[in-house]
Amino acid sequence: MNYEQVKTLKPTEFKRLCGVYPDTFKDMVTVLKAEKVWQKKTGRPSKLSTEDQLLITLEYWREYRTYFHLGNSWGVNESTAYRIVRKVENILIKSGLFNLPGKKALLESNSEIEVIVVDVSEQEIERPKKKQKSCYSGKQGYHTLKSQVVADLAQRARCDQKSEQVICVRCEKGRVHDFRLWKESKIRLNKKIEILGDKGYQGIQKLHQNSQIPHKKKKKEKLSKEQKKANRQLSQRRIVIEHIHRRLKIFRILSSRYRNRRRRFGLRLNLIAGIYNYELRYRQKDIS
C-alpha cells in the first residue's frame, strides 16, 4: 500500500482507513515537508515519500500493529518503521498546529467557555517490571493508565468553532483516583464556568461551587424521583464527553492494551486530541 493507491478514496473511506480526512492529511503533509526543507539534511534520501511516512504513522495509531508487521507491510526494516513514527510524531507536535487550548483558557475573564465536561478513561497496559502497585486499578482488575479529558460543552445551535473541543488532557497511573487526578491537574477555573462530572468527583463543589455531579444513593436509602430525574438530565448533558472518548479511541493505540513506554503516552494523547480539535474546527468552518 502507498499514498497513490489510497488518495482516490472517498473522504469517508479515507477517514475509515487512516483516521483523518484527506484535507487534514494534506495539511499534515505540508507541515512535514516544511520541516524537511528547514532541516536541510544531507545523505541518502528516504525510500518512502513524505505522504507514505505519514501513512505509516497513521496506520500505526489506527491499527496499533507491531513495528515488525508494519515494516514488512511497507518493505522497510522494523527499526526504520519505529524511527519514522517517532519522527513524524515529534514534527507534528512541534509544529503547534495541533496544540490544545490548555488549562489557561479556563481562567481567562473574556473566555467564551460556559460549561465544561470532565471524565476519565482507563487503558490497560502491560504489567510493569517495577512499582506495579502504583499502576494497578482495583476497579478494572489490571494495570492501567488513566486519561483525564476536559472538553467544552457549547450549544450545537451556535455553530461555535470551539464547541465540543478538547481543552486539556492529563495522564496518570491507574491507582490514582479520578478526583485526585483532577486536583493534581491544578486546573484553575473562572467562577462563571460550570463543571459537569460523574460520581468519581465527589467533593468537587468544595473546590468549585458551580459544579454538577450525580446524586449518590446512601446506604439503605433510595433516590427520590426528583434526584433520579436530575441524574438523567445530567447524563444527557454529559454524553458529549463519551462521544469525544469514542472519537479519540478510533485510533486503537488509545483503546488497545498499550505496549509502548508510558512516558510517551501523554504526547500521543495530546497529539491525537489536537487532531480531533483541528478536524472539528474544519468541519464547522465548512458548515458555516
Protein backbone atom coordinates (compact mmCIF):
# COMPACT_ATOMS: atom_id res chain seq x y z
CA MET A 1 0.00 0.00 0.00
CA ASN A 2 1.09 3.57 -0.68
CA TYR A 3 -0.44 7.02 -0.91
CA GLU A 4 -1.02 6.77 -4.67
CA GLN A 5 -3.38 3.85 -4.06
CA VAL A 6 -5.47 5.48 -1.33
CA LYS A 7 -5.63 9.14 -2.38
CA THR A 8 -8.56 8.43 -4.74
CA LEU A 9 -10.75 7.07 -1.93
CA LYS A 10 -13.84 8.95 -0.86
CA PRO A 11 -13.35 11.22 2.18
CA THR A 12 -15.41 8.90 4.40
CA GLU A 13 -13.45 5.84 3.24
CA PHE A 14 -10.14 7.68 3.69
CA LYS A 15 -11.26 8.55 7.21
CA ARG A 16 -12.08 4.91 7.94
CA LEU A 17 -8.67 3.83 6.68
CA CYS A 18 -6.40 6.47 8.24
CA GLY A 19 -8.48 8.06 10.98
CA VAL A 20 -8.32 11.57 9.44
CA TYR A 21 -9.96 13.29 6.49
CA PRO A 22 -7.99 13.92 3.26
CA ASP A 23 -7.81 17.68 3.87
CA THR A 24 -6.31 17.15 7.31
CA PHE A 25 -3.87 14.66 5.81
CA LYS A 26 -2.71 17.24 3.26
CA ASP A 27 -2.18 19.84 5.99
CA MET A 28 -0.11 17.35 7.97
CA VAL A 29 1.98 16.59 4.88
CA THR A 30 2.60 20.33 4.43
CA VAL A 31 3.91 20.54 8.00
CA LEU A 32 6.24 17.57 7.46
CA LYS A 33 7.60 18.91 4.18
CA ALA A 34 8.21 22.36 5.68
CA GLU A 35 10.24 20.79 8.48
CA LYS A 36 12.17 18.73 5.94
CA VAL A 37 13.15 21.87 3.99
CA TRP A 38 14.16 23.65 7.20
CA GLN A 39 16.44 20.85 8.37
CA LYS A 40 18.34 20.58 5.04
CA LYS A 41 19.92 17.25 5.94
CA THR A 42 22.36 15.62 3.55
CA GLY A 43 22.75 11.95 2.77
CA ARG A 44 20.76 9.28 1.04
CA PRO A 45 17.10 10.20 0.55
CA SER A 46 14.42 8.14 2.25
CA LYS A 47 12.96 5.17 0.43
CA LEU A 48 9.43 6.34 1.30
CA SER A 49 7.84 9.66 0.37
CA THR A 50 6.59 12.11 2.98
CA GLU A 51 3.00 11.00 2.31
CA ASP A 52 3.91 7.36 2.83
CA GLN A 53 5.75 8.12 6.07
CA LEU A 54 2.66 9.90 7.38
CA LEU A 55 0.53 6.95 6.30
CA ILE A 56 2.77 4.60 8.28
CA THR A 57 2.29 6.73 11.39
CA LEU A 58 -1.48 6.95 10.98
CA GLU A 59 -1.68 3.23 10.30
CA TYR A 60 0.29 2.57 13.49
CA TRP A 61 -2.13 4.72 15.51
CA ARG A 62 -5.21 3.39 13.77
CA GLU A 63 -4.44 -0.34 13.84
CA TYR A 64 -1.70 -0.45 16.50
CA ARG A 65 0.18 -3.33 14.93
CA THR A 66 3.76 -4.07 15.90
CA TYR A 67 6.63 -2.31 14.15
CA PHE A 68 7.66 -5.71 12.78
CA HIS A 69 4.36 -6.21 10.96
CA LEU A 70 4.29 -2.56 9.90
CA GLY A 71 7.78 -2.74 8.43
CA ASN A 72 7.01 -5.90 6.49
CA SER A 73 3.87 -4.34 5.01
CA TRP A 74 5.82 -1.32 3.76
CA GLY A 75 9.03 -3.09 2.80
CA VAL A 76 11.26 -1.45 5.43
CA ASN A 77 13.12 -2.65 8.49
CA GLU A 78 11.41 -2.82 11.88
CA SER A 79 13.75 -0.17 13.32
CA THR A 80 13.09 2.08 10.31
CA ALA A 81 9.36 1.96 10.92
CA TYR A 82 9.99 2.87 14.57
CA ARG A 83 12.13 5.88 13.63
CA ILE A 84 9.60 7.08 11.06
CA VAL A 85 6.73 7.03 13.57
CA ARG A 86 8.73 8.89 16.22
CA LYS A 87 9.99 11.47 13.73
CA VAL A 88 6.51 12.23 12.38
CA GLU A 89 5.06 12.48 15.90
CA ASN A 90 7.79 14.87 17.03
CA ILE A 91 7.39 17.13 13.99
CA LEU A 92 3.60 17.31 14.29
CA ILE A 93 3.65 18.14 18.00
CA LYS A 94 6.48 20.65 17.48
CA SER A 95 4.61 22.49 14.71
CA GLY A 96 1.96 23.80 17.11
CA LEU A 97 -0.80 23.25 14.56
CA PHE A 98 -2.41 20.56 16.71
CA ASN A 99 -1.88 22.07 20.14
CA LEU A 100 -4.71 22.08 22.66
CA PRO A 101 -6.02 25.38 24.12
CA GLY A 102 -4.64 24.38 27.52
CA LYS A 103 -5.94 24.91 31.04
CA LYS A 104 -5.05 28.61 30.92
CA ALA A 105 -8.04 29.11 28.61
CA LEU A 106 -10.34 28.24 31.54
CA LEU A 107 -9.07 31.13 33.66
CA GLU A 108 -9.39 33.94 31.13
CA SER A 109 -12.02 36.52 32.02
CA ASN A 110 -13.07 37.05 28.40
CA SER A 111 -13.35 33.33 27.67
CA GLU A 112 -16.44 32.15 25.77
CA ILE A 113 -16.43 28.84 27.62
CA GLU A 114 -19.52 28.49 29.80
CA VAL A 115 -19.77 24.77 30.60
CA ILE A 116 -17.05 22.11 30.68
CA VAL A 117 -17.31 18.34 31.00
CA VAL A 118 -14.62 16.26 32.68
CA ASP A 119 -14.23 12.50 32.54
CA VAL A 120 -11.54 9.85 32.93
CA SER A 121 -10.98 6.74 30.85
CA GLU A 122 -8.67 3.84 31.69
CA GLN A 123 -6.48 1.91 29.28
CA GLU A 124 -4.81 -1.40 30.03
CA ILE A 125 -1.02 -1.55 29.93
CA GLU A 126 1.49 -4.35 30.18
CA ARG A 127 2.42 -5.26 33.73
CA PRO A 128 5.32 -3.02 34.81
CA LYS A 129 8.55 -4.62 35.93
CA LYS A 130 8.85 -2.18 38.83
CA LYS A 131 6.34 -0.39 41.06
CA GLN A 132 3.44 -2.48 39.84
CA LYS A 133 1.17 -1.40 42.67
CA SER A 134 1.12 2.23 41.52
CA CYS A 135 -0.39 1.22 38.15
CA TYR A 136 -2.85 -1.38 39.39
CA SER A 137 -6.51 -0.37 39.11
CA GLY A 138 -8.73 -2.10 41.64
CA LYS A 139 -11.80 -1.11 39.65
CA GLN A 140 -10.61 -2.73 36.42
CA GLY A 141 -8.60 -5.55 37.96
CA TYR A 142 -5.45 -4.97 35.90
CA HIS A 143 -2.70 -2.39 35.37
CA THR A 144 -3.89 0.76 33.61
CA LEU A 145 -3.15 4.34 32.64
CA LYS A 146 -5.79 6.99 33.30
CA SER A 147 -6.57 9.76 30.82
CA GLN A 148 -8.47 12.80 32.02
CA VAL A 149 -10.19 14.78 29.28
CA VAL A 150 -11.68 18.25 29.83
CA ALA A 151 -13.97 19.38 26.99
CA ASP A 152 -16.04 22.43 26.18
CA LEU A 153 -19.81 21.89 26.17
CA ALA A 154 -21.13 24.57 23.80
CA GLN A 155 -24.59 24.66 22.28
CA ARG A 156 -24.72 22.96 18.89
CA ALA A 157 -27.10 25.60 17.54
CA ARG A 158 -24.49 28.31 17.99
CA CYS A 159 -22.20 26.68 15.40
CA ASP A 160 -19.33 27.88 17.54
CA GLN A 161 -15.93 26.74 16.31
CA LYS A 162 -15.00 25.93 19.90
CA SER A 163 -17.99 23.67 20.60
CA GLU A 164 -17.19 20.20 21.90
CA GLN A 165 -13.46 20.73 21.62
CA VAL A 166 -10.93 19.17 23.97
CA ILE A 167 -9.43 21.86 26.18
CA CYS A 168 -6.75 19.90 28.02
CA VAL A 169 -5.79 16.35 28.96
CA ARG A 170 -3.85 14.76 31.78
CA CYS A 171 -2.39 11.26 32.19
CA GLU A 172 -1.66 9.40 35.41
CA LYS A 173 -1.14 5.89 36.71
CA GLY A 174 -4.18 3.67 37.21
CA ARG A 175 -4.11 3.67 41.01
CA VAL A 176 -4.80 7.42 41.19
CA HIS A 177 -8.44 8.27 41.95
CA ASP A 178 -10.37 10.42 39.47
CA PHE A 179 -10.86 13.29 41.91
CA ARG A 180 -7.24 13.18 43.00
CA LEU A 181 -6.23 13.33 39.35
CA TRP A 182 -8.36 16.47 38.96
CA LYS A 183 -6.72 18.10 41.99
CA GLU A 184 -3.22 17.21 40.80
CA SER A 185 -4.04 18.78 37.43
CA LYS A 186 -4.20 22.16 39.23
CA ILE A 187 -6.83 23.48 36.84
CA ARG A 188 -8.00 26.93 37.89
CA LEU A 189 -11.40 27.99 36.61
CA ASN A 190 -13.30 31.19 36.13
CA LYS A 191 -16.18 31.33 38.61
CA LYS A 192 -18.79 31.58 35.85
CA ILE A 193 -17.78 28.27 34.27
CA GLU A 194 -19.92 25.27 35.19
CA ILE A 195 -18.37 21.81 35.64
CA LEU A 196 -20.22 18.59 34.83
CA GLY A 197 -18.70 15.48 36.39
CA ASP A 198 -19.63 11.93 37.35
CA LYS A 199 -19.75 10.19 40.74
CA GLY A 200 -15.97 9.97 40.80
CA TYR A 201 -15.78 13.69 41.56
CA GLN A 202 -17.48 13.71 44.96
CA GLY A 203 -16.27 16.81 46.78
CA ILE A 204 -15.52 18.94 43.74
CA GLN A 205 -18.09 21.51 44.95
CA LYS A 206 -15.67 22.45 47.72
CA LEU A 207 -13.13 23.50 45.10
CA HIS A 208 -15.59 25.00 42.61
CA GLN A 209 -19.12 25.82 43.74
CA ASN A 210 -20.55 25.94 40.21
CA SER A 211 -20.30 22.16 39.77
CA GLN A 212 -22.83 19.44 38.98
CA ILE A 213 -22.39 15.75 39.86
CA PRO A 214 -24.97 12.94 40.10
CA HIS A 215 -26.83 12.26 43.33
CA LYS A 216 -25.33 9.24 45.06
CA LYS A 217 -27.55 6.73 46.82
CA LYS A 218 -26.83 6.36 50.51
CA LYS A 219 -26.75 3.06 52.33
CA LYS A 220 -30.25 1.61 52.95
CA GLU A 221 -31.83 4.60 51.19
CA LYS A 222 -33.29 5.17 47.75
CA LEU A 223 -33.09 8.14 45.46
CA SER A 224 -36.21 10.24 45.10
CA LYS A 225 -37.91 10.76 41.74
CA GLU A 226 -36.52 14.30 41.57
CA GLN A 227 -32.99 13.04 42.17
CA LYS A 228 -33.33 10.33 39.52
CA LYS A 229 -34.67 12.90 37.06
CA ALA A 230 -31.77 15.24 37.83
CA ASN A 231 -29.31 12.39 37.28
CA ARG A 232 -30.85 11.60 33.89
CA GLN A 233 -30.71 15.23 32.82
CA LEU A 234 -27.07 15.45 33.88
CA SER A 235 -26.25 12.26 31.96
CA GLN A 236 -27.86 13.70 28.83
CA ARG A 237 -25.66 16.78 29.10
CA ARG A 238 -22.52 14.75 29.83
CA ILE A 239 -23.00 12.37 26.89
CA VAL A 240 -20.78 14.68 24.84
CA ILE A 241 -17.65 13.56 26.67
CA GLU A 242 -18.48 9.92 25.91
CA HIS A 243 -18.71 10.77 22.21
CA ILE A 244 -15.32 12.50 22.42
CA HIS A 245 -13.75 9.44 24.03
CA ARG A 246 -15.22 7.31 21.25
CA ARG A 247 -13.77 9.56 18.53
CA LEU A 248 -10.34 9.59 20.16
CA LYS A 249 -10.37 5.81 20.51
CA ILE A 250 -10.89 5.39 16.78
CA PHE A 251 -7.11 5.16 17.00
CA ARG A 252 -6.58 1.79 18.62
CA ILE A 253 -3.38 2.98 20.23
CA LEU A 254 -5.67 4.71 22.76
CA SER A 255 -8.03 1.76 23.23
CA SER A 256 -5.98 -1.45 22.94
CA ARG A 257 -3.50 -2.72 25.50
CA TYR A 258 -0.71 -0.14 25.43
CA ARG A 259 2.67 -1.78 24.77
CA ASN A 260 4.95 1.24 24.46
CA ARG A 261 6.78 3.26 27.09
CA ARG A 262 4.35 5.09 29.35
CA ARG A 263 6.21 8.39 29.22
CA ARG A 264 5.28 8.85 25.55
CA PHE A 265 1.60 8.08 26.08
CA GLY A 266 0.79 11.65 27.11
CA LEU A 267 2.40 13.10 23.98
CA ARG A 268 0.35 10.82 21.74
CA LEU A 269 -2.86 11.57 23.61
CA ASN A 270 -2.25 15.33 23.28
CA LEU A 271 -1.47 15.00 19.59
CA ILE A 272 -4.50 12.87 18.74
CA ALA A 273 -6.77 15.18 20.76
CA GLY A 274 -5.29 18.15 18.87
CA ILE A 275 -6.02 16.45 15.55
CA TYR A 276 -9.60 15.85 16.73
CA ASN A 277 -9.95 19.58 17.52
CA TYR A 278 -8.44 20.52 14.17
CA GLU A 279 -10.92 18.41 12.24
CA LEU A 280 -13.79 19.71 14.37
CA ARG A 281 -12.95 23.32 13.52
CA TYR A 282 -12.51 22.46 9.85
CA ARG A 283 -15.91 20.75 9.59
CA GLN A 284 -17.69 23.60 11.37
CA LYS A 285 -15.99 26.11 9.09
CA ASP A 286 -17.37 24.29 6.06
CA ILE A 287 -20.89 24.21 7.56
CA SER A 288 -20.89 27.94 8.26
